[in-house]
Amino acid sequence: MDTPAPIGLTVQRELPGTPEEVFDAVTNPGKQLVWLSALGPERGAVQTSVDLRVGGRWEARFHANPQTLVHDVQTYREIDRPNRVVTDLVGESSIGGETMPTLETRIAMTFSQTETGTLVTVEQTGFPATELRDFFESTVWPAGLDRIAEFLTSG
């Protein structure tokens, strides 16, 4: 019997700033507070903490929108500052008070210097269904990277 191929995605985006600046925006809890929720830090009720070491955790709670509460715990598996970070994500969320199934994936982010900024490559694997992968690929990652870009240009 064939084993189904893992369901994953790759998203790339060039962001303003050096790899160090982008890496810091992604891993620094003070900076995450600003960009993590589309609603902003106050309305998004953003709470985040980071223990940036292999085996350490990034834990975040926030409202992605008025109806959706997200609780993500990412365990750091690899850190190569400012080039790459790999985490195992356990994500829990509720929409309108209804608990959604727990999401467990691996996320690898690389940060490569370009002539005008930093190319961010996100590879996320382990999705339980193509529909959820498609949502992350078309909505979650583009919106998150847009907010990081806005943070980097407004600072």
C-alpha atoms as a PDB file:
ATOM      1  CA  MET A   1       0.000   0.000   0.000  1.00  0.00           C
ATOM      2  CA  ASP A   2       1.368   3.412  -0.960  1.00  0.00           C
ATOM      3  CA  THR A   3       1.902   6.010   1.735  1.00  0.00           C
ATOM      4  CA  PRO A   4       0.333   9.341   0.731  1.00  0.00           C
ATOM      5  CA  ALA A   5       2.772  12.179   0.144  1.00  0.00           C
ATOM      6  CA  PRO A   6       2.930  14.680   3.010  1.00  0.00           C
ATOM      7  CA  ILE A   7       0.828  17.761   2.435  1.00  0.00           C
ATOM      8  CA  GLY A   8       2.916  20.917   2.505  1.00  0.00           C
ATOM      9  CA  LEU A   9       3.442  24.352   1.053  1.00  0.00           C
ATOM     10  CA  THR A  10       6.195  26.719   0.023  1.00  0.00           C
ATOM     11  CA  VAL A  11       5.649  30.480   0.084  1.00  0.00           C
ATOM     12  CA  GLN A  12       8.259  33.083  -0.873  1.00  0.00           C
ATOM     13  CA  ARG A  13       8.180  36.817  -0.357  1.00  0.00           C
ATOM     14  CA  GLU A  14      10.798  39.531  -0.525  1.00  0.00           C
ATOM     15  CA  LEU A  15      10.645  41.758   2.547  1.00  0.00           C
ATOM     16  CA  PRO A  16      12.364  45.088   3.219  1.00  0.00           C
ATOM     17  CA  GLY A  17      15.334  44.933   5.558  1.00  0.00           C
ATOM     18  CA  THR A  18      18.340  42.757   6.168  1.00  0.00           C
ATOM     19  CA  PRO A  19      18.077  39.070   7.096  1.00  0.00           C
ATOM     20  CA  GLU A  20      18.951  40.073  10.678  1.00  0.00           C
ATOM     21  CA  GLU A  21      16.092  42.607  10.804  1.00  0.00           C
ATOM     22  CA  VAL A  22      13.582  40.143   9.346  1.00  0.00           C
ATOM     23  CA  PHE A  23      14.800  37.322  11.618  1.00  0.00           C
ATOM     24  CA  ASP A  24      14.356  39.650  14.625  1.00  0.00           C
ATOM     25  CA  ALA A  25      10.843  40.640  13.533  1.00  0.00           C
ATOM     26  CA  VAL A  26       9.918  36.956  13.415  1.00  0.00           C
ATOM     27  CA  THR A  27      11.581  35.891  16.687  1.00  0.00           C
ATOM     28  CA  ASN A  28      11.475  38.927  19.021  1.00  0.00           C
ATOM     29  CA  PRO A  29       8.335  38.961  21.215  1.00  0.00           C
ATOM     30  CA  GLY A  30       8.264  42.761  21.438  1.00  0.00           C
ATOM     31  CA  LYS A  31       8.190  42.983  17.658  1.00  0.00           C
ATOM     32  CA  GLN A  32       5.703  40.102  17.317  1.00  0.00           C
ATOM     33  CA  LEU A  33       3.266  42.068  19.485  1.00  0.00           C
ATOM     34  CA  VAL A  34       3.053  44.708  16.766  1.00  0.00           C
ATOM     35  CA  TRP A  35       2.481  42.516  13.689  1.00  0.00           C
ATOM     36  CA  LEU A  36       1.065  39.177  14.878  1.00  0.00           C
ATOM     37  CA  SER A  37      -2.650  40.039  14.734  1.00  0.00           C
ATOM     38  CA  ALA A  38      -4.337  41.831  11.854  1.00  0.00           C
ATOM     39  CA  LEU A  39      -6.396  43.572  14.547  1.00  0.00           C
ATOM     40  CA  GLY A  40      -3.270  45.078  16.149  1.00  0.00           C
ATOM     41  CA  PRO A  41      -1.801  44.370  19.588  1.00  0.00           C
ATOM     42  CA  GLU A  42      -4.676  45.830  21.635  1.00  0.00           C
ATOM     43  CA  ARG A  43      -7.764  44.642  19.725  1.00  0.00           C
ATOM     44  CA  GLY A  44      -5.983  41.407  18.841  1.00  0.00           C
ATOM     45  CA  ALA A  45      -5.249  40.748  22.541  1.00  0.00           C
ATOM     46  CA  VAL A  46      -1.760  39.592  21.545  1.00  0.00           C
ATOM     47  CA  GLN A  47       0.276  37.689  24.125  1.00  0.00           C
ATOM     48  CA  THR A  48       3.596  36.209  23.084  1.00  0.00           C
ATOM     49  CA  SER A  49       6.692  34.786  24.717  1.00  0.00           C
ATOM     50  CA  VAL A  50       9.887  33.409  23.180  1.00  0.00           C
ATOM     51  CA  ASP A  51      12.659  31.160  24.476  1.00  0.00           C
ATOM     52  CA  LEU A  52      14.922  31.380  21.411  1.00  0.00           C
ATOM     53  CA  ARG A  53      17.050  28.252  21.716  1.00  0.00           C
ATOM     54  CA  VAL A  54      16.829  24.756  20.266  1.00  0.00           C
ATOM     55  CA  GLY A  55      14.183  23.024  22.377  1.00  0.00           C
ATOM     56  CA  GLY A  56      12.795  26.394  23.510  1.00  0.00           C
ATOM     57  CA  ARG A  57       9.302  27.573  22.680  1.00  0.00           C
ATOM     58  CA  TRP A  58       7.457  30.446  21.089  1.00  0.00           C
ATOM     59  CA  GLU A  59       3.973  30.647  22.552  1.00  0.00           C
ATOM     60  CA  ALA A  60       1.416  33.088  21.191  1.00  0.00           C
ATOM     61  CA  ARG A  61      -2.260  33.793  21.856  1.00  0.00           C
ATOM     62  CA  PHE A  62      -4.140  36.296  19.743  1.00  0.00           C
ATOM     63  CA  HIS A  63      -7.334  37.040  17.870  1.00  0.00           C
ATOM     64  CA  ALA A  64      -6.737  36.544  14.147  1.00  0.00           C
ATOM     65  CA  ASN A  65     -10.063  38.317  13.605  1.00  0.00           C
ATOM     66  CA  PRO A  66     -12.970  39.176  15.942  1.00  0.00           C
ATOM     67  CA  GLN A  67     -14.341  35.596  15.778  1.00  0.00           C
ATOM     68  CA  THR A  68     -11.107  33.572  15.832  1.00  0.00           C
ATOM     69  CA  LEU A  69      -8.866  32.954  18.841  1.00  0.00           C
ATOM     70  CA  VAL A  70      -5.498  31.323  18.109  1.00  0.00           C
ATOM     71  CA  HIS A  71      -3.121  29.608  20.549  1.00  0.00           C
ATOM     72  CA  ASP A  72       0.124  28.515  18.872  1.00  0.00           C
ATOM     73  CA  VAL A  73       3.036  26.763  20.534  1.00  0.00           C
ATOM     74  CA  GLN A  74       6.132  26.395  18.358  1.00  0.00           C
ATOM     75  CA  THR A  75       9.124  24.397  19.585  1.00  0.00           C
ATOM     76  CA  TYR A  76      12.429  25.470  18.053  1.00  0.00           C
ATOM     77  CA  ARG A  77      14.177  22.582  16.258  1.00  0.00           C
ATOM     78  CA  GLU A  78      16.882  24.532  14.419  1.00  0.00           C
ATOM     79  CA  ILE A  79      18.187  28.090  14.753  1.00  0.00           C
ATOM     80  CA  ASP A  80      20.814  29.511  12.403  1.00  0.00           C
ATOM     81  CA  ARG A  81      20.626  33.246  13.048  1.00  0.00           C
ATOM     82  CA  PRO A  82      19.898  35.152  10.791  1.00  0.00           C
ATOM     83  CA  ASN A  83      19.545  32.560   8.018  1.00  0.00           C
ATOM     84  CA  ARG A  84      17.056  29.924   9.122  1.00  0.00           C
ATOM     85  CA  VAL A  85      14.660  28.866  11.858  1.00  0.00           C
ATOM     86  CA  VAL A  86      12.724  25.579  12.051  1.00  0.00           C
ATOM     87  CA  THR A  87       9.857  24.941  14.471  1.00  0.00           C
ATOM     88  CA  ASP A  88       7.293  22.278  15.234  1.00  0.00           C
ATOM     89  CA  LEU A  89       3.896  23.951  15.543  1.00  0.00           C
ATOM     90  CA  VAL A  90       0.995  22.811  17.676  1.00  0.00           C
ATOM     91  CA  GLY A  91      -1.850  25.184  16.857  1.00  0.00           C
ATOM     92  CA  GLU A  92      -5.201  25.376  18.574  1.00  0.00           C
ATOM     93  CA  SER A  93      -7.982  27.727  17.595  1.00  0.00           C
ATOM     94  CA  SER A  94     -11.636  28.414  18.121  1.00  0.00           C
ATOM     95  CA  ILE A  95     -14.005  30.153  15.767  1.00  0.00           C
ATOM     96  CA  GLY A  96     -17.091  31.718  17.305  1.00  0.00           C
ATOM     97  CA  GLY A  97     -16.441  29.678  20.455  1.00  0.00           C
ATOM     98  CA  GLU A  98     -16.255  26.350  18.585  1.00  0.00           C
ATOM     99  CA  THR A  99     -12.962  24.492  19.070  1.00  0.00           C
ATOM    100  CA  MET A 100     -11.222  23.518  15.828  1.00  0.00           C
ATOM    101  CA  PRO A 101      -9.046  20.392  15.419  1.00  0.00           C
ATOM    102  CA  THR A 102      -5.453  20.796  16.637  1.00  0.00           C
ATOM    103  CA  LEU A 103      -2.935  21.472  13.871  1.00  0.00           C
ATOM    104  CA  GLU A 104       0.546  19.926  14.072  1.00  0.00           C
ATOM    105  CA  THR A 105       3.046  20.923  11.380  1.00  0.00           C
ATOM    106  CA  ARG A 106       6.718  21.727  10.867  1.00  0.00           C
ATOM    107  CA  ILE A 107       7.690  25.215   9.683  1.00  0.00           C
ATOM    108  CA  ALA A 108      11.072  26.060   8.152  1.00  0.00           C
ATOM    109  CA  MET A 109      11.804  29.707   7.367  1.00  0.00           C
ATOM    110  CA  THR A 110      14.915  30.830   5.516  1.00  0.00           C
ATOM    111  CA  PHE A 111      16.109  34.419   5.149  1.00  0.00           C
ATOM    112  CA  SER A 112      18.340  35.197   2.132  1.00  0.00           C
ATOM    113  CA  GLN A 113      19.851  38.605   1.349  1.00  0.00           C
ATOM    114  CA  THR A 114      18.804  40.140  -1.971  1.00  0.00           C
ATOM    115  CA  GLU A 115      19.821  43.400  -3.623  1.00  0.00           C
ATOM    116  CA  THR A 116      16.784  45.175  -2.165  1.00  0.00           C
ATOM    117  CA  GLY A 117      15.914  43.242   0.992  1.00  0.00           C
ATOM    118  CA  THR A 118      15.469  39.691   2.218  1.00  0.00           C
ATOM    119  CA  LEU A 119      13.848  36.773   0.443  1.00  0.00           C
ATOM    120  CA  VAL A 120      11.803  34.826   3.002  1.00  0.00           C
ATOM    121  CA  THR A 121      11.025  31.229   2.092  1.00  0.00           C
ATOM    122  CA  VAL A 122       8.457  29.427   4.228  1.00  0.00           C
ATOM    123  CA  GLU A 123       8.085  25.657   3.982  1.00  0.00           C
ATOM    124  CA  GLN A 124       5.313  24.174   6.108  1.00  0.00           C
ATOM    125  CA  THR A 125       4.639  20.432   6.085  1.00  0.00           C
ATOM    126  CA  GLY A 126       2.303  18.011   7.814  1.00  0.00           C
ATOM    127  CA  PHE A 127      -1.099  19.458   6.966  1.00  0.00           C
ATOM    128  CA  PRO A 128      -3.921  16.955   7.502  1.00  0.00           C
ATOM    129  CA  ALA A 129      -5.822  18.129   4.406  1.00  0.00           C
ATOM    130  CA  THR A 130      -5.188  20.048   1.191  1.00  0.00           C
ATOM    131  CA  GLU A 131      -7.985  22.529   2.031  1.00  0.00           C
ATOM    132  CA  LEU A 132      -6.204  23.620   5.204  1.00  0.00           C
ATOM    133  CA  ARG A 133      -2.881  23.828   3.358  1.00  0.00           C
ATOM    134  CA  ASP A 134      -4.527  25.936   0.669  1.00  0.00           C
ATOM    135  CA  PHE A 135      -5.920  28.314   3.317  1.00  0.00           C
ATOM    136  CA  PHE A 136      -2.452  28.787   4.856  1.00  0.00           C
ATOM    137  CA  GLU A 137      -0.871  29.190   1.409  1.00  0.00           C
ATOM    138  CA  SER A 138      -3.391  31.697   0.067  1.00  0.00           C
ATOM    139  CA  THR A 139      -4.408  33.583   3.214  1.00  0.00           C
ATOM    140  CA  VAL A 140      -2.454  32.974   6.438  1.00  0.00           C
ATOM    141  CA  TRP A 141       1.120  33.300   5.159  1.00  0.00           C
ATOM    142  CA  PRO A 142       0.517  36.153   2.664  1.00  0.00           C
ATOM    143  CA  ALA A 143      -1.314  38.195   5.322  1.00  0.00           C
ATOM    144  CA  GLY A 144       1.325  37.498   7.981  1.00  0.00           C
ATOM    145  CA  LEU A 145       4.192  38.375   5.656  1.00  0.00           C
ATOM    146  CA  ASP A 146       2.350  41.546   4.622  1.00  0.00           C
ATOM    147  CA  ARG A 147       2.098  42.578   8.306  1.00  0.00           C
ATOM    148  CA  ILE A 148       5.812  41.861   8.866  1.00  0.00           C
ATOM    149  CA  ALA A 149       6.675  43.958   5.782  1.00  0.00           C
ATOM    150  CA  GLU A 150       4.487  46.802   7.076  1.00  0.00           C
ATOM    151  CA  PHE A 151       6.174  46.556  10.489  1.00  0.00           C
ATOM    152  CA  LEU A 152       9.642  46.689   8.895  1.00  0.00           C
ATOM    153  CA  THR A 153       8.811  49.766   6.787  1.00  0.00           C
ATOM    154  CA  SER A 154       7.061  51.661   9.585  1.00  0.00           C
ATOM    155  CA  GLY A 155       9.863  51.302  12.145  1.00  0.00           C
END
